[in-house]
Amino acid sequence: MVFKRRDPQGWGGWLREMVYPAGGFKRATRYVLHRMKRLPDSPQRVARGVFAGSLIGFLPLPGLQFVAAWAAARLVNGNLLAALLATFNTNPVTTPFFAVLAMTLGHRIMGIEKELTPEYIGDAFAEASVDLWHNIKSIFTPATASWDGLAQFWHEIYVPYFIGALGPGLVLSLVGYYLTIPLVNAYQKARAAKAEERSARRLHLRDMVAAAAQRLPPPDERESAAAAPAALAREGPKAGDGDKAGRDDHQASP
């Protein structure tokens, strides 16, 4: 397979790269920026795709970010690939800090007076997970579904996170939008200039070859000139050439 890894990667390596890429975050960021610059589209459409994908990347939509980025890019008429690439603006290292900031803002906006300690957030996730597993088992058993932990998680964690992420996400996505336009525009101009330079060199080389071809004799003359020595060699010495050569040698001798 063309895209198959040379060295198979296990689940441990996959999880490790999800947290920290093998080449580092700097290399991963440079790769994403490089791909965005090379997108064959107008800078404005690429920037709108970056805005849509970046905003979706800040929102808590686990498992649905690509679908939501695609829909948001279609909504703003942005580049779809740019939107998908822009969803990588968050990573497992920076997401916890942004999540705490977003939930803090969401709690203030919604008037929830709960201290966002690690214990509080961990207990909310644990209770929601227990309720979710219990409700799944209740489908196949006589047990009664319980929604208390899920309701608490929804009202005190997820909704505040979503509301609090909208403000910073919009600001950072707008920054990415206005930075993308000149970046892609400069890259496309430089690439077009290189293409024109290569085209000019090819035309100059073609003109040189044409001029050299014009200085050559016509094909008929070249063929006749090349065939003359071979014809003389096939004919051999003419009659009388030997007598003439002998007379010349006799005259030359004393």
Protein backbone atom coordinates (compact mmCIF):
# COMPACT_ATOMS: atom_id res chain seq x y z
CA MET A 1 0.00 0.00 0.00
CA VAL A 2 1.22 3.48 -0.83
CA PHE A 3 0.21 5.18 2.44
CA LYS A 4 0.92 2.26 4.77
CA ARG A 5 3.42 2.91 7.55
CA ARG A 6 6.79 1.24 7.16
CA ASP A 7 6.85 0.40 10.85
CA PRO A 8 3.41 -0.69 12.15
CA GLN A 9 2.19 1.51 15.02
CA GLY A 10 0.39 0.04 17.99
CA TRP A 11 -2.36 1.53 20.10
CA GLY A 12 0.16 2.91 22.56
CA GLY A 13 2.03 4.81 19.85
CA TRP A 14 -1.22 6.10 18.39
CA LEU A 15 -2.39 7.43 21.77
CA ARG A 16 1.03 8.96 22.40
CA GLU A 17 0.96 10.83 19.10
CA MET A 18 -2.57 12.03 19.83
CA VAL A 19 -1.20 13.73 22.95
CA TYR A 20 2.17 14.79 21.55
CA PRO A 21 3.09 14.40 17.84
CA ALA A 22 6.31 12.57 17.02
CA GLY A 23 7.75 15.66 15.31
CA GLY A 24 6.50 18.08 17.97
CA PHE A 25 3.74 20.67 17.88
CA LYS A 26 5.93 23.12 15.98
CA ARG A 27 6.38 20.75 13.06
CA ALA A 28 2.70 19.79 13.06
CA THR A 29 1.70 23.47 13.05
CA ARG A 30 4.11 24.24 10.20
CA TYR A 31 2.70 21.34 8.21
CA VAL A 32 -0.89 22.54 8.64
CA LEU A 33 0.09 26.11 7.68
CA HIS A 34 2.01 24.83 4.66
CA ARG A 35 -0.98 22.83 3.45
CA MET A 36 -3.28 25.82 3.90
CA LYS A 37 -0.98 28.09 1.88
CA ARG A 38 -0.93 25.62 -1.01
CA LEU A 39 -4.71 25.27 -1.28
CA PRO A 40 -5.80 26.08 -4.87
CA ASP A 41 -8.45 28.63 -3.93
CA SER A 42 -8.85 32.35 -3.36
CA PRO A 43 -7.35 33.75 -0.13
CA GLN A 44 -10.81 34.91 1.00
CA ARG A 45 -12.38 31.44 0.69
CA VAL A 46 -9.41 29.82 2.42
CA ALA A 47 -9.67 32.39 5.23
CA ARG A 48 -13.40 31.75 5.62
CA GLY A 49 -12.69 28.03 5.84
CA VAL A 50 -10.04 28.68 8.50
CA PHE A 51 -12.50 30.80 10.46
CA ALA A 52 -15.22 28.14 10.34
CA GLY A 53 -12.92 25.23 11.20
CA SER A 54 -11.12 27.13 13.95
CA LEU A 55 -14.36 28.10 15.65
CA ILE A 56 -15.62 24.51 15.52
CA GLY A 57 -12.30 23.33 16.92
CA PHE A 58 -12.80 25.41 20.07
CA LEU A 59 -16.29 24.08 20.72
CA PRO A 60 -16.91 20.86 22.70
CA LEU A 61 -18.05 18.62 19.87
CA PRO A 62 -16.20 15.34 20.38
CA GLY A 63 -16.49 13.05 17.38
CA LEU A 64 -18.45 15.62 15.38
CA GLN A 65 -15.84 18.29 14.65
CA PHE A 66 -15.20 17.27 11.03
CA VAL A 67 -18.91 17.10 10.22
CA ALA A 68 -19.58 20.42 11.97
CA ALA A 69 -16.56 22.06 10.26
CA TRP A 70 -17.81 20.86 6.87
CA ALA A 71 -21.28 22.28 7.55
CA ALA A 72 -19.88 25.58 8.86
CA ALA A 73 -17.60 25.94 5.82
CA ARG A 74 -20.54 25.36 3.49
CA LEU A 75 -22.54 27.94 5.45
CA VAL A 76 -19.92 30.69 5.04
CA ASN A 77 -18.84 29.55 1.54
CA GLY A 78 -15.35 28.72 2.72
CA ASN A 79 -12.78 26.19 1.59
CA LEU A 80 -13.70 22.77 2.97
CA LEU A 81 -10.16 21.42 3.31
CA ALA A 82 -9.05 24.59 5.10
CA ALA A 83 -11.93 24.16 7.55
CA LEU A 84 -10.97 20.54 8.26
CA LEU A 85 -7.31 21.47 8.77
CA ALA A 86 -8.25 24.38 11.05
CA THR A 87 -9.99 22.04 13.50
CA PHE A 88 -6.49 20.98 14.63
CA ASN A 89 -6.05 24.36 16.35
CA THR A 90 -6.59 22.60 19.67
CA ASN A 91 -4.68 19.64 21.07
CA PRO A 92 -4.78 17.55 24.26
CA VAL A 93 -2.18 19.80 25.91
CA THR A 94 -3.88 23.18 25.38
CA THR A 95 -7.50 22.00 25.49
CA PRO A 96 -7.71 21.61 29.32
CA PHE A 97 -6.60 25.21 29.87
CA PHE A 98 -9.05 26.53 27.29
CA ALA A 99 -11.80 24.33 28.74
CA VAL A 100 -11.32 25.77 32.24
CA LEU A 101 -11.39 29.30 30.82
CA ALA A 102 -14.53 28.55 28.79
CA MET A 103 -16.36 26.90 31.71
CA THR A 104 -15.44 29.79 34.01
CA LEU A 105 -16.89 32.29 31.56
CA GLY A 106 -19.93 30.09 31.03
CA HIS A 107 -20.58 29.83 34.76
CA ARG A 108 -20.41 33.60 35.10
CA ILE A 109 -22.73 34.15 32.14
CA MET A 110 -25.25 31.56 33.39
CA GLY A 111 -24.94 32.60 37.06
CA ILE A 112 -23.76 29.19 38.30
CA GLU A 113 -21.92 29.58 41.60
CA LYS A 114 -19.77 26.47 41.61
CA GLU A 115 -16.03 26.42 42.10
CA LEU A 116 -14.36 24.71 39.15
CA THR A 117 -11.94 22.50 41.01
CA PRO A 118 -10.44 19.33 39.49
CA GLU A 119 -12.45 17.28 41.99
CA TYR A 120 -15.71 18.93 40.95
CA ILE A 121 -15.06 18.42 37.23
CA GLY A 122 -13.86 14.85 37.77
CA ASP A 123 -16.90 13.94 39.85
CA ALA A 124 -19.23 15.39 37.19
CA PHE A 125 -17.56 13.31 34.47
CA ALA A 126 -17.61 10.20 36.67
CA GLU A 127 -21.30 10.51 37.57
CA ALA A 128 -22.24 11.15 33.94
CA SER A 129 -20.25 8.10 32.83
CA VAL A 130 -21.90 5.90 35.45
CA ASP A 131 -25.36 7.08 34.45
CA LEU A 132 -24.59 6.59 30.76
CA TRP A 133 -23.40 3.00 31.30
CA HIS A 134 -26.31 2.26 33.61
CA ASN A 135 -28.83 3.56 31.08
CA ILE A 136 -27.28 1.47 28.30
CA LYS A 137 -27.59 -1.65 30.46
CA SER A 138 -31.16 -0.72 31.38
CA ILE A 139 -32.16 -1.24 27.75
CA PHE A 140 -31.46 -4.96 28.11
CA THR A 141 -32.31 -5.38 31.82
CA PRO A 142 -35.27 -4.51 34.07
CA ALA A 143 -33.23 -1.67 35.67
CA THR A 144 -34.65 1.86 35.59
CA ALA A 145 -32.72 4.55 33.73
CA SER A 146 -31.18 7.33 35.80
CA TRP A 147 -30.54 10.82 34.41
CA ASP A 148 -29.39 12.80 37.47
CA GLY A 149 -25.66 12.60 36.75
CA LEU A 150 -26.11 13.28 33.05
CA ALA A 151 -28.41 16.23 33.75
CA GLN A 152 -25.89 17.72 36.17
CA PHE A 153 -23.09 17.26 33.65
CA TRP A 154 -25.19 18.86 30.92
CA HIS A 155 -26.23 21.93 32.89
CA GLU A 156 -23.04 22.54 34.89
CA ILE A 157 -20.26 21.36 32.56
CA TYR A 158 -21.22 20.99 28.91
CA VAL A 159 -23.56 23.96 28.38
CA PRO A 160 -21.32 26.43 30.29
CA TYR A 161 -18.34 25.10 28.33
CA PHE A 162 -20.15 25.60 25.01
CA ILE A 163 -21.39 29.10 25.86
CA GLY A 164 -18.08 30.19 27.36
CA ALA A 165 -16.11 28.90 24.35
CA LEU A 166 -18.07 30.96 21.84
CA GLY A 167 -16.57 34.33 22.82
CA PRO A 168 -12.85 33.40 22.87
CA GLY A 169 -13.39 31.06 19.91
CA LEU A 170 -14.88 33.86 17.81
CA VAL A 171 -12.06 36.26 18.70
CA LEU A 172 -9.27 33.75 17.97
CA SER A 173 -10.97 32.56 14.79
CA LEU A 174 -11.27 36.15 13.53
CA VAL A 175 -7.57 36.62 14.21
CA GLY A 176 -6.87 33.50 12.16
CA TYR A 177 -9.14 34.81 9.39
CA TYR A 178 -7.32 38.14 9.06
CA LEU A 179 -3.89 36.48 9.24
CA THR A 180 -4.72 33.88 6.60
CA ILE A 181 -5.63 36.33 3.82
CA PRO A 182 -2.22 38.08 3.49
CA LEU A 183 -0.38 34.81 4.14
CA VAL A 184 -2.12 32.91 1.34
CA ASN A 185 -2.05 35.96 -0.94
CA ALA A 186 1.72 36.40 -0.55
CA TYR A 187 2.34 32.69 -1.12
CA GLN A 188 0.18 32.57 -4.25
CA LYS A 189 1.90 35.66 -5.69
CA ALA A 190 5.34 34.18 -5.03
CA ARG A 191 4.28 30.88 -6.57
CA ALA A 192 2.86 32.64 -9.65
CA ALA A 193 6.10 34.62 -10.04
CA LYS A 194 8.15 31.41 -9.93
CA ALA A 195 5.84 29.82 -12.50
CA GLU A 196 6.25 32.82 -14.83
CA GLU A 197 10.02 32.68 -14.40
CA ARG A 198 10.10 28.98 -15.30
CA SER A 199 7.85 29.63 -18.29
CA ALA A 200 10.14 32.44 -19.48
CA ARG A 201 13.18 30.16 -19.18
CA ARG A 202 11.44 27.45 -21.20
CA LEU A 203 10.48 29.95 -23.92
CA HIS A 204 14.05 31.28 -24.05
CA LEU A 205 15.43 27.76 -24.36
CA ARG A 206 12.90 26.99 -27.09
CA ASP A 207 13.94 30.13 -29.02
CA MET A 208 17.62 29.18 -28.73
CA VAL A 209 16.91 25.69 -30.08
CA ALA A 210 14.87 27.15 -32.96
CA ALA A 211 17.64 29.63 -33.84
CA ALA A 212 20.24 26.87 -33.81
CA ALA A 213 18.03 24.74 -36.04
CA GLN A 214 17.70 27.61 -38.55
CA ARG A 215 21.48 27.92 -38.85
CA LEU A 216 21.76 24.28 -39.94
CA PRO A 217 21.65 23.46 -43.71
CA PRO A 218 18.47 22.01 -45.14
CA PRO A 219 17.88 18.30 -44.59
CA ASP A 220 18.41 17.46 -48.29
CA GLU A 221 21.84 19.06 -48.32
CA ARG A 222 22.81 17.33 -45.09
CA GLU A 223 21.75 13.96 -46.50
CA SER A 224 23.63 14.49 -49.77
CA ALA A 225 26.76 15.65 -47.93
CA ALA A 226 26.63 12.64 -45.66
CA ALA A 227 26.01 10.24 -48.57
CA ALA A 228 28.87 11.56 -50.79
CA PRO A 229 31.81 9.92 -48.93
CA ALA A 230 29.98 6.63 -48.76
CA ALA A 231 29.26 6.71 -52.51
CA LEU A 232 32.89 7.44 -53.32
CA ALA A 233 34.00 4.58 -51.14
CA ARG A 234 31.63 2.18 -52.93
CA GLU A 235 32.76 3.28 -56.41
CA GLY A 236 36.47 2.65 -55.69
CA PRO A 237 39.37 4.14 -57.72
CA LYS A 238 38.48 5.18 -61.28
CA ALA A 239 40.13 3.75 -64.39
CA GLY A 240 43.37 5.58 -65.24
CA ASP A 241 43.92 6.75 -61.69
CA GLY A 242 46.62 4.09 -61.29
CA ASP A 243 48.46 5.15 -64.51
CA LYS A 244 48.20 8.78 -63.46
CA ALA A 245 49.60 7.99 -60.07
CA GLY A 246 52.45 6.02 -61.71
CA ARG A 247 53.33 8.93 -64.02
CA ASP A 248 53.30 11.29 -61.10
CA ASP A 249 55.69 9.00 -59.21
CA HIS A 250 57.99 8.69 -62.27
CA GLN A 251 58.15 12.45 -62.68
CA ALA A 252 58.83 12.92 -59.02
CA SER A 253 61.73 10.39 -58.97
CA PRO A 254 65.24 11.79 -59.94
